[in-house]
Amino acid sequence: MKYYFAPMEGITNHSFRRVHSRSFGGVAKYYTPFISPSASAPFTEREMSELRPENNEGVPLVPQLLVNSAEAFNRASRELAAMGYAEINLNAGCPSKTVTAKGKGCGLLARPDSLRRLLDGIFAAPEAKISVKTRLGMKNAEEFEKLLEIYNDYPIHELTIHARVQEDYYKRPASFGAFERYYPRCAAPLCYNGDLTTASACRDFSARFPLVPALMLGRGLVGNPALAEECLGGEKLTRKRLREFHD
């Protein structure tokens, strides 16, 4: 099983990622909090600070882009590939209303035809491997029936499914039942995200879904920064290690 550190805006910045990767093991990939490039200006100076390789030394990092335009994604991809990034993640899961109103994040899921046009554009001549993080839909999990047909038409490097819909935000429980219905039909390699906050929960998930090779952990890893290491049979969090990480 591979464990990934989910992007969390305001928390998992380059300083946090660098210190975490030096203090704890077990995380195969870290994701940047979403970056929203335009077609004319890919990155702000703040975003460049997050992306510069020298600020992420030793961190296996995947940039995450929040876009509704293939032109914006592709221009940013060229810049990222030139920096040495081999994988770029498309955010189709942010539930914020200010984001979805612009047709970005979960807003892509409300317009399946627009999602297909976007994927057509970014997979036409990709600069790097393209992964996608998605939710199940906007209002109900049945929307994923149509979305899955779309995703299965593209060579997605990895599909991370956050088992909630947009209206759930982060308050309602993740729907393991909906994930169970759809995951066998996913063509892309899968990663699961949602409500796995303890080592026992991760083990229970793996027992229920043994063919899912990767888990993305967010609040669980923030609450217990040794969680991925513990899931892999390593040392549990101790007061000493937490103090050293904190300091």
Protein backbone atom coordinates (compact mmCIF):
# COMPACT_ATOMS: atom_id res chain seq x y z
CA MET A 1 0.00 0.00 0.00
CA LYS A 2 1.18 3.51 -0.88
CA TYR A 3 0.26 6.51 1.26
CA TYR A 4 -0.04 10.07 -0.03
CA PHE A 5 -0.30 13.36 1.87
CA ALA A 6 -3.39 15.24 0.70
CA PRO A 7 -3.12 18.95 -0.14
CA MET A 8 -4.47 21.14 2.64
CA GLU A 9 -4.52 24.86 1.98
CA GLY A 10 -2.80 26.90 4.66
CA ILE A 11 -1.17 23.82 6.22
CA THR A 12 0.86 21.66 3.85
CA ASN A 13 3.08 24.38 2.39
CA HIS A 14 6.68 23.78 1.34
CA SER A 15 8.06 24.35 4.84
CA PHE A 16 5.64 21.84 6.34
CA ARG A 17 6.29 19.27 3.59
CA ARG A 18 10.05 19.54 3.90
CA VAL A 19 10.08 19.17 7.68
CA HIS A 20 7.52 16.35 7.62
CA SER A 21 9.44 14.35 5.03
CA ARG A 22 12.63 14.64 7.12
CA SER A 23 10.88 13.76 10.38
CA PHE A 24 8.63 10.89 9.31
CA GLY A 25 8.60 8.14 6.71
CA GLY A 26 5.88 6.36 4.81
CA VAL A 27 4.61 9.10 2.49
CA ALA A 28 5.15 8.19 -1.16
CA LYS A 29 3.84 11.51 -2.55
CA TYR A 30 2.92 14.96 -1.31
CA TYR A 31 0.49 17.18 -3.23
CA THR A 32 0.63 20.96 -3.34
CA PRO A 33 -2.47 22.85 -2.24
CA PHE A 34 -4.17 23.77 -5.50
CA ILE A 35 -2.60 26.30 -7.82
CA SER A 36 -4.96 28.20 -10.13
CA PRO A 37 -3.02 29.33 -13.22
CA SER A 38 -4.37 31.47 -16.01
CA ALA A 39 -3.53 31.00 -19.68
CA SER A 40 -1.49 34.22 -19.67
CA ALA A 41 0.35 33.98 -16.34
CA PRO A 42 0.86 30.45 -14.99
CA PHE A 43 2.14 31.20 -11.49
CA THR A 44 2.26 34.01 -8.98
CA GLU A 45 5.42 34.59 -6.98
CA ARG A 46 3.81 32.93 -3.95
CA GLU A 47 2.96 29.89 -6.04
CA MET A 48 6.47 29.79 -7.48
CA SER A 49 7.80 29.69 -3.92
CA GLU A 50 5.71 26.56 -3.34
CA LEU A 51 6.94 24.95 -6.54
CA ARG A 52 10.66 25.73 -6.68
CA PRO A 53 12.62 22.47 -6.47
CA GLU A 54 15.06 23.97 -3.98
CA ASN A 55 12.15 24.59 -1.59
CA ASN A 56 11.05 20.96 -1.87
CA GLU A 57 14.37 19.18 -1.64
CA GLY A 58 13.87 15.50 -0.83
CA VAL A 59 10.07 15.78 -1.12
CA PRO A 60 8.31 13.60 -3.77
CA LEU A 61 5.97 16.39 -4.86
CA VAL A 62 3.01 16.49 -7.26
CA PRO A 63 1.69 19.94 -8.22
CA GLN A 64 -2.11 20.19 -8.26
CA LEU A 65 -3.79 22.54 -10.76
CA LEU A 66 -7.26 24.06 -10.43
CA VAL A 67 -8.42 25.05 -13.91
CA ASN A 68 -11.40 25.08 -16.27
CA SER A 69 -9.27 25.69 -19.37
CA ALA A 70 -7.01 23.25 -21.21
CA GLU A 71 -4.91 26.20 -22.39
CA ALA A 72 -4.21 27.24 -18.79
CA PHE A 73 -3.44 23.66 -17.74
CA ASN A 74 -1.12 23.06 -20.70
CA ARG A 75 0.85 26.25 -20.28
CA ALA A 76 1.33 25.54 -16.58
CA SER A 77 2.26 21.93 -17.42
CA ARG A 78 5.05 23.09 -19.72
CA GLU A 79 6.48 25.25 -16.95
CA LEU A 80 6.21 22.44 -14.41
CA ALA A 81 7.78 19.87 -16.71
CA ALA A 82 10.68 22.25 -17.27
CA MET A 83 11.15 22.33 -13.47
CA GLY A 84 11.42 18.56 -13.46
CA TYR A 85 7.92 17.52 -12.36
CA ALA A 86 6.93 14.17 -13.86
CA GLU A 87 3.29 14.16 -12.68
CA ILE A 88 0.65 16.89 -12.57
CA ASN A 89 -2.69 16.54 -10.81
CA LEU A 90 -6.01 18.01 -11.98
CA ASN A 91 -8.26 19.14 -9.14
CA ALA A 92 -11.85 18.11 -9.86
CA GLY A 93 -12.79 17.89 -6.21
CA CYS A 94 -12.61 21.25 -4.42
CA PRO A 95 -16.12 21.86 -3.03
CA SER A 96 -15.80 25.59 -2.26
CA LYS A 97 -18.68 27.56 -3.77
CA THR A 98 -16.34 30.35 -4.86
CA VAL A 99 -14.41 27.73 -6.84
CA THR A 100 -17.36 25.76 -8.24
CA ALA A 101 -19.08 28.97 -9.39
CA LYS A 102 -16.16 29.45 -11.81
CA GLY A 103 -16.54 25.93 -13.18
CA LYS A 104 -13.42 24.72 -11.43
CA GLY A 105 -12.86 21.95 -8.89
CA CYS A 106 -16.18 20.22 -8.28
CA GLY A 107 -17.72 22.71 -10.69
CA LEU A 108 -16.28 20.57 -13.49
CA LEU A 109 -18.51 17.71 -12.35
CA ALA A 110 -21.66 19.77 -12.87
CA ARG A 111 -20.87 20.05 -16.60
CA PRO A 112 -19.79 16.62 -17.91
CA ASP A 113 -19.49 17.91 -21.49
CA SER A 114 -17.13 20.67 -20.32
CA LEU A 115 -15.14 18.11 -18.32
CA ARG A 116 -14.73 16.00 -21.46
CA ARG A 117 -13.59 18.99 -23.51
CA LEU A 118 -11.06 19.88 -20.82
CA LEU A 119 -9.70 16.32 -20.73
CA ASP A 120 -9.57 16.23 -24.53
CA GLY A 121 -7.39 19.34 -24.44
CA ILE A 122 -5.00 18.31 -21.69
CA PHE A 123 -4.51 14.76 -22.95
CA ALA A 124 -3.93 15.83 -26.56
CA ALA A 125 -0.18 16.28 -26.01
CA PRO A 126 0.61 15.99 -22.30
CA GLU A 127 3.87 17.36 -20.95
CA ALA A 128 3.86 14.91 -18.00
CA LYS A 129 1.80 12.13 -16.47
CA ILE A 130 -1.65 13.47 -15.59
CA SER A 131 -3.52 12.30 -12.51
CA VAL A 132 -6.96 13.45 -11.39
CA LYS A 133 -8.54 13.97 -7.99
CA THR A 134 -12.33 13.90 -8.13
CA ARG A 135 -15.44 13.75 -5.99
CA LEU A 136 -18.43 11.57 -6.86
CA GLY A 137 -20.58 14.43 -8.11
CA MET A 138 -22.33 17.61 -7.02
CA LYS A 139 -25.50 16.45 -5.29
CA ASN A 140 -25.56 12.65 -5.26
CA ALA A 141 -23.17 9.76 -5.85
CA GLU A 142 -25.21 8.44 -8.80
CA GLU A 143 -23.73 11.27 -10.86
CA PHE A 144 -20.46 9.32 -10.87
CA GLU A 145 -21.98 6.84 -13.33
CA LYS A 146 -21.65 9.42 -16.12
CA LEU A 147 -18.38 10.84 -14.82
CA LEU A 148 -16.74 7.42 -14.68
CA GLU A 149 -17.60 6.82 -18.35
CA ILE A 150 -15.71 10.03 -19.14
CA TYR A 151 -12.68 9.28 -16.96
CA ASN A 152 -12.39 5.79 -18.44
CA ASP A 153 -11.88 7.28 -21.91
CA TYR A 154 -8.52 8.85 -20.99
CA PRO A 155 -5.08 7.48 -20.00
CA ILE A 156 -5.24 8.92 -16.49
CA HIS A 157 -2.07 8.07 -14.59
CA GLU A 158 -3.97 7.73 -11.30
CA LEU A 159 -7.53 8.56 -10.27
CA THR A 160 -8.03 9.64 -6.67
CA ILE A 161 -11.66 9.34 -5.60
CA HIS A 162 -12.76 11.42 -2.63
CA ALA A 163 -15.91 9.53 -1.66
CA ARG A 164 -18.13 12.57 -1.09
CA VAL A 165 -20.17 14.89 -3.29
CA GLN A 166 -19.79 18.66 -3.38
CA GLU A 167 -22.74 19.28 -1.06
CA ASP A 168 -21.13 17.09 1.60
CA TYR A 169 -18.13 19.43 1.90
CA TYR A 170 -16.12 17.73 4.67
CA LYS A 171 -18.93 17.46 7.22
CA ARG A 172 -20.90 14.41 6.10
CA PRO A 173 -19.27 10.98 6.22
CA ALA A 174 -17.49 9.62 3.18
CA SER A 175 -19.55 7.08 1.24
CA PHE A 176 -17.65 3.79 1.30
CA GLY A 177 -20.72 2.14 -0.21
CA ALA A 178 -20.68 4.40 -3.27
CA PHE A 179 -16.96 3.81 -3.69
CA GLU A 180 -17.58 0.06 -3.51
CA ARG A 181 -20.15 0.30 -6.32
CA TYR A 182 -17.90 2.12 -8.73
CA TYR A 183 -14.27 1.26 -8.06
CA PRO A 184 -14.24 -2.13 -9.86
CA ARG A 185 -15.11 -0.34 -13.11
CA CYS A 186 -12.37 2.28 -12.96
CA ALA A 187 -9.86 1.91 -15.80
CA ALA A 188 -7.16 4.05 -14.18
CA PRO A 189 -5.03 2.99 -11.21
CA LEU A 190 -6.93 4.05 -8.09
CA CYS A 191 -6.27 6.00 -4.93
CA TYR A 192 -8.93 6.41 -2.23
CA ASN A 193 -9.44 9.54 -0.09
CA GLY A 194 -11.88 10.26 2.73
CA ASP A 195 -12.34 9.55 6.46
CA LEU A 196 -9.25 7.42 7.02
CA THR A 197 -7.78 9.01 10.12
CA THR A 198 -6.26 6.09 12.05
CA ALA A 199 -4.04 3.13 11.28
CA SER A 200 -6.86 0.75 12.17
CA ALA A 201 -9.21 2.51 9.74
CA CYS A 202 -6.58 2.20 6.99
CA ARG A 203 -6.13 -1.49 7.73
CA ASP A 204 -9.89 -2.06 7.70
CA PHE A 205 -10.13 -0.29 4.35
CA SER A 206 -7.35 -2.41 2.87
CA ALA A 207 -9.07 -5.57 4.08
CA ARG A 208 -12.33 -4.47 2.43
CA PHE A 209 -10.71 -3.18 -0.78
CA PRO A 210 -7.52 -5.22 -1.25
CA LEU A 211 -7.12 -4.21 -4.89
CA VAL A 212 -6.85 -0.46 -4.14
CA PRO A 213 -3.09 0.26 -4.08
CA ALA A 214 -2.97 3.79 -2.64
CA LEU A 215 -4.58 5.91 0.06
CA MET A 216 -4.54 9.69 0.32
CA LEU A 217 -4.56 10.91 3.92
CA GLY A 218 -5.27 14.48 4.99
CA ARG A 219 -6.64 15.32 8.42
CA GLY A 220 -5.41 11.98 9.75
CA LEU A 221 -1.80 12.79 8.83
CA VAL A 222 -2.04 16.31 10.21
CA GLY A 223 -3.41 14.97 13.49
CA ASN A 224 -0.86 12.15 13.61
CA PRO A 225 2.14 12.99 11.41
CA ALA A 226 3.49 9.44 11.87
CA LEU A 227 0.29 7.84 10.55
CA ALA A 228 1.65 6.65 7.19
CA GLU A 229 4.76 5.26 8.85
CA GLU A 230 2.62 3.49 11.44
CA CYS A 231 0.39 2.00 8.71
CA LEU A 232 3.50 0.48 7.15
CA GLY A 233 4.51 -1.13 10.44
CA GLY A 234 6.90 1.57 11.59
CA GLU A 235 7.23 3.43 14.86
CA LYS A 236 4.14 5.03 16.34
CA LEU A 237 4.10 8.70 17.22
CA THR A 238 5.87 9.50 20.47
CA ARG A 239 5.96 12.69 22.50
CA LYS A 240 9.66 13.09 21.67
CA ARG A 241 9.17 12.75 17.91
CA LEU A 242 6.21 15.12 17.93
CA ARG A 243 8.21 17.72 19.88
CA GLU A 244 11.14 17.46 17.48
CA PHE A 245 8.79 17.80 14.48
CA HIS A 246 7.01 20.76 16.06
CA ASP A 247 10.23 22.57 16.96
